[in-house]
Amino acid sequence: MPRADEMSPADPVEARVISFYTLLMKKDFAAWSDLFADDAKQENPFMPSLDGLDSGFDGRDRIVFHYKTVLENRRGLVFTIDAIHQTEGGECAIVEVGGRSEVPETGRIYDQRYVWIFRFRDGKIVGMREYFNPLAFEKAFKGFLVGEGAVAN
């Protein structure tokens, strides 16, 4: 499966999806925030129920804050994209993706498989639903959880 930063988009929806992951890999949160509508929302239905973790984020600023907090210290962050599935009209994309990075606070590797559902309006992301394996999440972050900051568990 190709790295997001080595892919060439076939259309505008693929370009937005590839930019989403490529900009995260670069940790270019200023450019990444431009992908979102002001009223964007993210849902994390499989997020473990632990203090300091949220199952969703409302608004572009809150989403960007979360990702910056979670990713700014990560090392070797790479996203690989298996497939991008689109609905007719380009209002929705379902993405099969892998992510891998080192969590310096635990010294563990976070190796995750995701299914993301993106919804778009006027070329901007307005909704995201992130499905992931909570066991892989807990294995990588046990003893250190990132929410509003670092929260020991």
N, C-alpha and C. Protein backbone atom coordinates (compact mmCIF):
# COMPACT_ATOMS: atom_id res chain seq x y z
N MET A 1 0.84 -1.18 0.00
CA MET A 1 0.00 0.00 0.00
C MET A 1 0.89 1.24 0.00
N PRO A 2 0.54 2.21 -0.82
CA PRO A 2 1.41 3.38 -0.97
C PRO A 2 1.28 4.37 0.18
N ARG A 3 2.39 5.04 0.44
CA ARG A 3 2.38 6.15 1.40
C ARG A 3 1.54 7.27 0.81
N ALA A 4 0.84 7.98 1.67
CA ALA A 4 -0.01 9.09 1.21
C ALA A 4 0.82 10.13 0.46
N ASP A 5 2.02 10.41 0.93
CA ASP A 5 2.84 11.45 0.31
C ASP A 5 3.50 11.01 -1.00
N GLU A 6 3.23 9.78 -1.43
CA GLU A 6 3.76 9.29 -2.71
C GLU A 6 2.65 9.04 -3.72
N MET A 7 1.42 9.41 -3.37
CA MET A 7 0.27 9.16 -4.24
C MET A 7 -0.04 10.38 -5.10
N SER A 8 -0.59 10.11 -6.28
CA SER A 8 -1.07 11.16 -7.17
C SER A 8 -2.59 11.05 -7.25
N PRO A 9 -3.30 12.13 -6.95
CA PRO A 9 -4.76 12.06 -6.97
C PRO A 9 -5.31 11.99 -8.38
N ALA A 10 -6.41 11.26 -8.53
CA ALA A 10 -7.09 11.13 -9.82
C ALA A 10 -8.19 12.17 -9.99
N ASP A 11 -8.61 12.79 -8.88
CA ASP A 11 -9.71 13.77 -8.94
C ASP A 11 -9.66 14.64 -7.69
N PRO A 12 -10.52 15.66 -7.61
CA PRO A 12 -10.49 16.58 -6.46
C PRO A 12 -10.75 15.92 -5.11
N VAL A 13 -11.62 14.92 -5.05
CA VAL A 13 -11.88 14.25 -3.77
C VAL A 13 -10.63 13.52 -3.31
N GLU A 14 -10.01 12.77 -4.21
CA GLU A 14 -8.75 12.09 -3.84
C GLU A 14 -7.69 13.11 -3.42
N ALA A 15 -7.64 14.24 -4.07
CA ALA A 15 -6.67 15.28 -3.71
C ALA A 15 -6.88 15.75 -2.27
N ARG A 16 -8.14 15.95 -1.88
CA ARG A 16 -8.43 16.38 -0.51
C ARG A 16 -8.04 15.31 0.50
N VAL A 17 -8.38 14.06 0.20
CA VAL A 17 -8.07 12.95 1.11
C VAL A 17 -6.56 12.78 1.24
N ILE A 18 -5.86 12.77 0.13
CA ILE A 18 -4.40 12.60 0.17
C ILE A 18 -3.75 13.77 0.92
N SER A 19 -4.23 14.99 0.69
CA SER A 19 -3.71 16.15 1.42
C SER A 19 -3.94 16.02 2.92
N PHE A 20 -5.09 15.50 3.31
CA PHE A 20 -5.40 15.29 4.73
C PHE A 20 -4.27 14.51 5.40
N TYR A 21 -3.89 13.38 4.82
CA TYR A 21 -2.88 12.53 5.43
C TYR A 21 -1.46 13.06 5.22
N THR A 22 -1.18 13.61 4.05
CA THR A 22 0.15 14.14 3.77
C THR A 22 0.49 15.31 4.69
N LEU A 23 -0.45 16.22 4.86
CA LEU A 23 -0.21 17.37 5.74
C LEU A 23 -0.05 16.94 7.20
N LEU A 24 -0.77 15.90 7.62
CA LEU A 24 -0.56 15.37 8.97
C LEU A 24 0.84 14.79 9.10
N MET A 25 1.29 14.06 8.08
CA MET A 25 2.64 13.49 8.13
C MET A 25 3.69 14.60 8.25
N LYS A 26 3.46 15.73 7.59
CA LYS A 26 4.39 16.86 7.64
C LYS A 26 4.20 17.70 8.91
N LYS A 27 3.11 17.44 9.60
CA LYS A 27 2.72 18.21 10.78
C LYS A 27 2.53 19.69 10.43
N ASP A 28 1.99 19.93 9.24
CA ASP A 28 1.69 21.28 8.77
C ASP A 28 0.24 21.58 9.14
N PHE A 29 0.03 21.90 10.42
CA PHE A 29 -1.33 22.06 10.94
C PHE A 29 -2.01 23.32 10.41
N ALA A 30 -1.25 24.33 10.02
CA ALA A 30 -1.85 25.54 9.45
C ALA A 30 -2.50 25.20 8.10
N ALA A 31 -1.76 24.54 7.22
CA ALA A 31 -2.33 24.15 5.92
C ALA A 31 -3.42 23.10 6.10
N TRP A 32 -3.22 22.17 7.04
CA TRP A 32 -4.20 21.11 7.30
C TRP A 32 -5.54 21.70 7.74
N SER A 33 -5.50 22.75 8.56
CA SER A 33 -6.75 23.35 9.05
C SER A 33 -7.56 23.95 7.91
N ASP A 34 -6.90 24.34 6.82
CA ASP A 34 -7.61 24.91 5.67
C ASP A 34 -8.48 23.89 4.94
N LEU A 35 -8.30 22.60 5.23
CA LEU A 35 -9.12 21.56 4.60
C LEU A 35 -10.53 21.50 5.18
N PHE A 36 -10.75 22.15 6.34
CA PHE A 36 -11.99 22.01 7.08
C PHE A 36 -12.90 23.23 6.98
N ALA A 37 -14.20 22.98 7.03
CA ALA A 37 -15.18 24.04 7.23
C ALA A 37 -15.14 24.43 8.71
N ASP A 38 -15.54 25.65 9.02
CA ASP A 38 -15.53 26.11 10.41
C ASP A 38 -16.35 25.21 11.32
N ASP A 39 -17.47 24.68 10.80
CA ASP A 39 -18.39 23.88 11.61
C ASP A 39 -18.16 22.37 11.50
N ALA A 40 -16.97 21.97 11.07
CA ALA A 40 -16.66 20.55 10.91
C ALA A 40 -16.80 19.81 12.23
N LYS A 41 -17.11 18.51 12.12
CA LYS A 41 -17.23 17.65 13.30
C LYS A 41 -16.49 16.35 13.05
N GLN A 42 -15.92 15.81 14.11
CA GLN A 42 -15.30 14.49 14.03
C GLN A 42 -15.95 13.59 15.09
N GLU A 43 -16.21 12.34 14.68
CA GLU A 43 -16.72 11.33 15.60
C GLU A 43 -15.71 10.19 15.68
N ASN A 44 -15.52 9.68 16.88
CA ASN A 44 -14.64 8.53 17.14
C ASN A 44 -15.45 7.47 17.89
N PRO A 45 -16.28 6.69 17.17
CA PRO A 45 -17.17 5.76 17.85
C PRO A 45 -16.48 4.69 18.69
N PHE A 46 -15.23 4.34 18.38
CA PHE A 46 -14.54 3.27 19.12
C PHE A 46 -13.54 3.80 20.13
N MET A 47 -13.57 5.10 20.42
CA MET A 47 -12.63 5.66 21.40
C MET A 47 -12.89 5.03 22.77
N PRO A 48 -11.84 4.53 23.43
CA PRO A 48 -12.03 3.97 24.77
C PRO A 48 -12.60 5.02 25.73
N SER A 49 -13.40 4.58 26.65
CA SER A 49 -14.01 5.47 27.64
C SER A 49 -13.04 5.68 28.80
N LEU A 50 -12.10 6.58 28.60
CA LEU A 50 -11.10 6.88 29.63
C LEU A 50 -11.04 8.39 29.82
N ASP A 51 -10.75 8.81 31.05
CA ASP A 51 -10.63 10.24 31.33
C ASP A 51 -9.58 10.85 30.40
N GLY A 52 -9.88 12.03 29.87
CA GLY A 52 -8.97 12.74 29.00
C GLY A 52 -9.16 12.44 27.53
N LEU A 53 -10.04 11.50 27.19
CA LEU A 53 -10.29 11.16 25.80
C LEU A 53 -11.71 11.55 25.43
N ASP A 54 -11.86 12.12 24.26
CA ASP A 54 -13.18 12.54 23.78
C ASP A 54 -13.60 11.66 22.61
N SER A 55 -14.88 11.38 22.52
CA SER A 55 -15.39 10.57 21.42
C SER A 55 -15.76 11.41 20.21
N GLY A 56 -15.51 12.70 20.29
CA GLY A 56 -15.78 13.57 19.15
C GLY A 56 -15.30 14.98 19.41
N PHE A 57 -15.22 15.74 18.32
CA PHE A 57 -14.75 17.12 18.39
C PHE A 57 -15.64 17.97 17.51
N ASP A 58 -16.04 19.13 18.02
CA ASP A 58 -16.90 20.05 17.27
C ASP A 58 -16.12 21.29 16.87
N GLY A 59 -16.11 21.57 15.59
CA GLY A 59 -15.48 22.78 15.08
C GLY A 59 -14.04 22.56 14.62
N ARG A 60 -13.68 23.29 13.57
CA ARG A 60 -12.33 23.18 13.01
C ARG A 60 -11.25 23.43 14.05
N ASP A 61 -11.41 24.48 14.87
CA ASP A 61 -10.36 24.81 15.83
C ASP A 61 -10.14 23.69 16.84
N ARG A 62 -11.22 23.07 17.30
CA ARG A 62 -11.10 21.97 18.26
C ARG A 62 -10.45 20.74 17.61
N ILE A 63 -10.80 20.45 16.37
CA ILE A 63 -10.21 19.32 15.66
C ILE A 63 -8.71 19.55 15.49
N VAL A 64 -8.33 20.74 15.04
CA VAL A 64 -6.91 21.04 14.82
C VAL A 64 -6.15 20.99 16.15
N PHE A 65 -6.73 21.54 17.20
CA PHE A 65 -6.08 21.49 18.52
C PHE A 65 -5.80 20.05 18.93
N HIS A 66 -6.79 19.19 18.76
CA HIS A 66 -6.63 17.79 19.13
C HIS A 66 -5.47 17.15 18.36
N TYR A 67 -5.48 17.27 17.05
CA TYR A 67 -4.45 16.61 16.24
C TYR A 67 -3.06 17.18 16.52
N LYS A 68 -2.98 18.48 16.70
CA LYS A 68 -1.68 19.07 17.01
C LYS A 68 -1.17 18.53 18.35
N THR A 69 -2.03 18.46 19.35
CA THR A 69 -1.64 17.94 20.65
C THR A 69 -1.22 16.48 20.57
N VAL A 70 -1.97 15.70 19.81
CA VAL A 70 -1.71 14.26 19.70
C VAL A 70 -0.46 13.95 18.87
N LEU A 71 -0.23 14.72 17.82
CA LEU A 71 0.80 14.34 16.85
C LEU A 71 2.11 15.11 16.91
N GLU A 72 2.15 16.25 17.58
CA GLU A 72 3.35 17.08 17.46
C GLU A 72 4.62 16.40 17.97
N ASN A 73 4.53 15.49 18.92
CA ASN A 73 5.73 14.80 19.43
C ASN A 73 6.00 13.46 18.77
N ARG A 74 5.09 12.98 17.95
CA ARG A 74 5.26 11.66 17.33
C ARG A 74 6.45 11.64 16.40
N ARG A 75 7.07 10.48 16.32
CA ARG A 75 8.21 10.31 15.42
C ARG A 75 7.85 9.29 14.35
N GLY A 76 8.35 9.55 13.13
CA GLY A 76 8.18 8.60 12.04
C GLY A 76 6.74 8.41 11.61
N LEU A 77 5.93 9.44 11.67
CA LEU A 77 4.51 9.34 11.33
C LEU A 77 4.33 9.08 9.83
N VAL A 78 3.70 7.97 9.51
CA VAL A 78 3.45 7.60 8.11
C VAL A 78 2.02 7.08 7.99
N PHE A 79 1.32 7.58 6.97
CA PHE A 79 0.01 7.05 6.62
C PHE A 79 0.11 6.38 5.26
N THR A 80 -0.47 5.20 5.15
CA THR A 80 -0.54 4.48 3.89
C THR A 80 -2.01 4.30 3.54
N ILE A 81 -2.32 4.45 2.26
CA ILE A 81 -3.72 4.41 1.83
C ILE A 81 -3.93 3.17 0.97
N ASP A 82 -4.83 2.30 1.43
CA ASP A 82 -5.21 1.11 0.67
C ASP A 82 -6.20 1.44 -0.43
N ALA A 83 -7.21 2.22 -0.09
CA ALA A 83 -8.27 2.51 -1.06
C ALA A 83 -9.04 3.76 -0.64
N ILE A 84 -9.50 4.47 -1.66
CA ILE A 84 -10.40 5.61 -1.47
C ILE A 84 -11.65 5.32 -2.27
N HIS A 85 -12.78 5.19 -1.57
CA HIS A 85 -14.07 4.91 -2.21
C HIS A 85 -14.90 6.19 -2.14
N GLN A 86 -15.56 6.53 -3.25
CA GLN A 86 -16.32 7.77 -3.29
C GLN A 86 -17.78 7.52 -3.63
N THR A 87 -18.63 8.39 -3.11
CA THR A 87 -20.01 8.38 -3.55
C THR A 87 -20.13 9.26 -4.78
N GLU A 88 -21.18 9.04 -5.54
CA GLU A 88 -21.42 9.87 -6.71
C GLU A 88 -21.62 11.31 -6.27
N GLY A 89 -21.01 12.22 -6.95
CA GLY A 89 -21.12 13.63 -6.59
C GLY A 89 -20.01 14.11 -5.69
N GLY A 90 -19.20 13.21 -5.16
CA GLY A 90 -18.04 13.59 -4.37
C GLY A 90 -18.34 14.18 -3.01
N GLU A 91 -19.52 13.91 -2.46
CA GLU A 91 -19.85 14.45 -1.14
C GLU A 91 -19.38 13.58 0.01
N CYS A 92 -18.95 12.36 -0.30
CA CYS A 92 -18.53 11.43 0.74
C CYS A 92 -17.41 10.55 0.19
N ALA A 93 -16.43 10.29 1.05
CA ALA A 93 -15.36 9.35 0.70
C ALA A 93 -15.13 8.42 1.89
N ILE A 94 -14.92 7.16 1.60
CA ILE A 94 -14.58 6.16 2.62
C ILE A 94 -13.16 5.72 2.31
N VAL A 95 -12.30 5.83 3.31
CA VAL A 95 -10.87 5.61 3.09
C VAL A 95 -10.38 4.49 4.00
N GLU A 96 -9.68 3.52 3.39
CA GLU A 96 -9.01 2.46 4.13
C GLU A 96 -7.54 2.88 4.24
N VAL A 97 -7.08 3.05 5.47
CA VAL A 97 -5.75 3.64 5.68
C VAL A 97 -5.04 2.98 6.86
N GLY A 98 -3.73 2.98 6.79
CA GLY A 98 -2.91 2.53 7.91
C GLY A 98 -2.10 3.69 8.43
N GLY A 99 -1.81 3.67 9.70
CA GLY A 99 -0.98 4.71 10.30
C GLY A 99 0.03 4.07 11.24
N ARG A 100 1.24 4.62 11.23
CA ARG A 100 2.30 4.08 12.08
C ARG A 100 3.17 5.23 12.57
N SER A 101 3.50 5.21 13.86
CA SER A 101 4.39 6.21 14.43
C SER A 101 4.88 5.71 15.78
N GLU A 102 5.93 6.35 16.26
CA GLU A 102 6.42 6.05 17.61
C GLU A 102 5.81 7.06 18.56
N VAL A 103 5.34 6.58 19.70
CA VAL A 103 4.82 7.43 20.75
C VAL A 103 5.96 7.63 21.75
N PRO A 104 6.66 8.77 21.70
CA PRO A 104 7.85 8.94 22.53
C PRO A 104 7.58 8.84 24.03
N GLU A 105 6.38 9.23 24.45
CA GLU A 105 6.07 9.20 25.88
C GLU A 105 6.02 7.78 26.43
N THR A 106 5.72 6.79 25.56
CA THR A 106 5.67 5.40 26.01
C THR A 106 6.80 4.56 25.41
N GLY A 107 7.42 5.07 24.34
CA GLY A 107 8.44 4.31 23.64
C GLY A 107 7.87 3.20 22.77
N ARG A 108 6.56 3.17 22.63
CA ARG A 108 5.91 2.12 21.85
C ARG A 108 5.55 2.61 20.45
N ILE A 109 5.38 1.65 19.55
CA ILE A 109 4.95 1.94 18.19
C ILE A 109 3.43 1.85 18.14
N TYR A 110 2.83 2.87 17.58
CA TYR A 110 1.39 2.88 17.34
C TYR A 110 1.18 2.47 15.89
N ASP A 111 0.70 1.25 15.70
CA ASP A 111 0.47 0.69 14.38
C ASP A 111 -1.02 0.40 14.28
N GLN A 112 -1.71 1.19 13.49
CA GLN A 112 -3.17 1.18 13.50
C GLN A 112 -3.72 1.02 12.08
N ARG A 113 -4.87 0.39 11.98
CA ARG A 113 -5.65 0.31 10.74
C ARG A 113 -6.92 1.12 10.98
N TYR A 114 -7.30 1.90 10.00
CA TYR A 114 -8.46 2.77 10.11
C TYR A 114 -9.40 2.59 8.92
N VAL A 115 -10.64 2.94 9.17
CA VAL A 115 -11.60 3.26 8.12
C VAL A 115 -12.13 4.64 8.49
N TRP A 116 -11.94 5.58 7.58
CA TRP A 116 -12.40 6.95 7.79
C TRP A 116 -13.54 7.23 6.81
N ILE A 117 -14.55 7.89 7.30
CA ILE A 117 -15.62 8.37 6.44
C ILE A 117 -15.56 9.89 6.48
N PHE A 118 -15.35 10.48 5.31
CA PHE A 118 -15.29 11.93 5.17
C PHE A 118 -16.54 12.41 4.47
N ARG A 119 -17.09 13.52 4.95
CA ARG A 119 -18.18 14.20 4.26
C ARG A 119 -17.68 15.60 3.88
N PHE A 120 -18.03 16.03 2.66
CA PHE A 120 -17.56 17.30 2.14
C PHE A 120 -18.72 18.22 1.80
N ARG A 121 -18.45 19.51 1.92
CA ARG A 121 -19.39 20.55 1.47
C ARG A 121 -18.55 21.68 0.89
N ASP A 122 -18.83 22.04 -0.34
CA ASP A 122 -18.10 23.12 -1.01
C ASP A 122 -16.59 22.92 -0.95
N GLY A 123 -16.14 21.67 -1.11
CA GLY A 123 -14.72 21.37 -1.15
C GLY A 123 -14.04 21.30 0.20
N LYS A 124 -14.77 21.47 1.28
CA LYS A 124 -14.20 21.43 2.63
C LYS A 124 -14.73 20.21 3.39
N ILE A 125 -13.94 19.72 4.32
CA ILE A 125 -14.39 18.62 5.18
C ILE A 125 -15.37 19.18 6.21
N VAL A 126 -16.56 18.58 6.27
CA VAL A 126 -17.55 19.00 7.27
C VAL A 126 -17.81 17.91 8.30
N GLY A 127 -17.43 16.69 7.96
CA GLY A 127 -17.65 15.59 8.89
C GLY A 127 -16.63 14.49 8.67
N MET A 128 -16.20 13.90 9.78
CA MET A 128 -15.30 12.75 9.73
C MET A 128 -15.75 11.76 10.79
N ARG A 129 -15.70 10.52 10.43
CA ARG A 129 -15.94 9.44 11.39
C ARG A 129 -14.74 8.51 11.27
N GLU A 130 -14.04 8.31 12.39
CA GLU A 130 -12.81 7.53 12.42
C GLU A 130 -13.05 6.21 13.16
N TYR A 131 -12.92 5.11 12.43
CA TYR A 131 -13.03 3.79 13.03
C TYR A 131 -11.63 3.20 13.15
N PHE A 132 -11.29 2.71 14.34
CA PHE A 132 -9.96 2.15 14.58
C PHE A 132 -10.06 1.05 15.61
N ASN A 133 -8.98 0.30 15.76
CA ASN A 133 -8.91 -0.79 16.72
C ASN A 133 -8.54 -0.22 18.09
N PRO A 134 -9.46 -0.21 19.05
CA PRO A 134 -9.15 0.36 20.37
C PRO A 134 -8.09 -0.43 21.12
N LEU A 135 -7.92 -1.71 20.82
CA LEU A 135 -6.87 -2.50 21.50
C LEU A 135 -5.49 -2.04 21.07
N ALA A 136 -5.30 -1.77 19.79
CA ALA A 136 -4.01 -1.24 19.31
C ALA A 136 -3.75 0.14 19.91
N PHE A 137 -4.81 0.93 20.02
CA PHE A 137 -4.69 2.26 20.63
C PHE A 137 -4.22 2.14 22.08
N GLU A 138 -4.90 1.32 22.86
CA GLU A 138 -4.56 1.17 24.28
C GLU A 138 -3.16 0.60 24.47
N LYS A 139 -2.75 -0.33 23.61
CA LYS A 139 -1.41 -0.92 23.70
C LYS A 139 -0.33 0.15 23.53
N ALA A 140 -0.50 1.04 22.57
CA ALA A 140 0.51 2.07 22.30
C ALA A 140 0.52 3.18 23.34
N PHE A 141 -0.66 3.48 23.91
CA PHE A 141 -0.77 4.63 24.80
C PHE A 141 -0.91 4.27 26.27
N LYS A 142 -0.87 2.99 26.62
CA LYS A 142 -1.05 2.60 28.03
C LYS A 142 -0.05 3.36 28.90
N GLY A 143 -0.58 4.05 29.90
CA GLY A 143 0.25 4.83 30.80
C GLY A 143 0.36 6.29 30.40
N PHE A 144 -0.06 6.60 29.20
CA PHE A 144 -0.02 7.99 28.73
C PHE A 144 -1.12 8.18 27.71
N LEU A 145 -2.07 9.02 28.04
CA LEU A 145 -3.17 9.31 27.12
C LEU A 145 -3.15 10.78 26.78
N VAL A 146 -3.48 11.10 25.57
CA VAL A 146 -3.49 12.49 25.12
C VAL A 146 -4.93 12.92 24.94
N GLY A 147 -5.32 13.94 25.69
CA GLY A 147 -6.63 14.55 25.54
C GLY A 147 -6.38 16.04 25.48
N GLU A 148 -6.74 16.77 26.50
CA GLU A 148 -6.45 18.20 26.56
C GLU A 148 -4.95 18.42 26.80
N GLY A 149 -4.25 17.38 27.08
CA GLY A 149 -2.82 17.37 27.34
C GLY A 149 -2.46 15.95 27.61
N ALA A 150 -1.54 15.72 28.47
CA ALA A 150 -1.18 14.34 28.81
C ALA A 150 -1.90 13.95 30.08
N VAL A 151 -2.56 12.81 30.05
CA VAL A 151 -3.31 12.32 31.20
C VAL A 151 -2.83 10.91 31.51
N ALA A 152 -2.24 10.68 32.67
CA ALA A 152 -1.80 9.34 33.04
C ALA A 152 -3.01 8.49 33.35
N ASN A 153 -2.94 7.19 33.05
CA ASN A 153 -4.06 6.29 33.39
C ASN A 153 -3.56 5.14 34.24
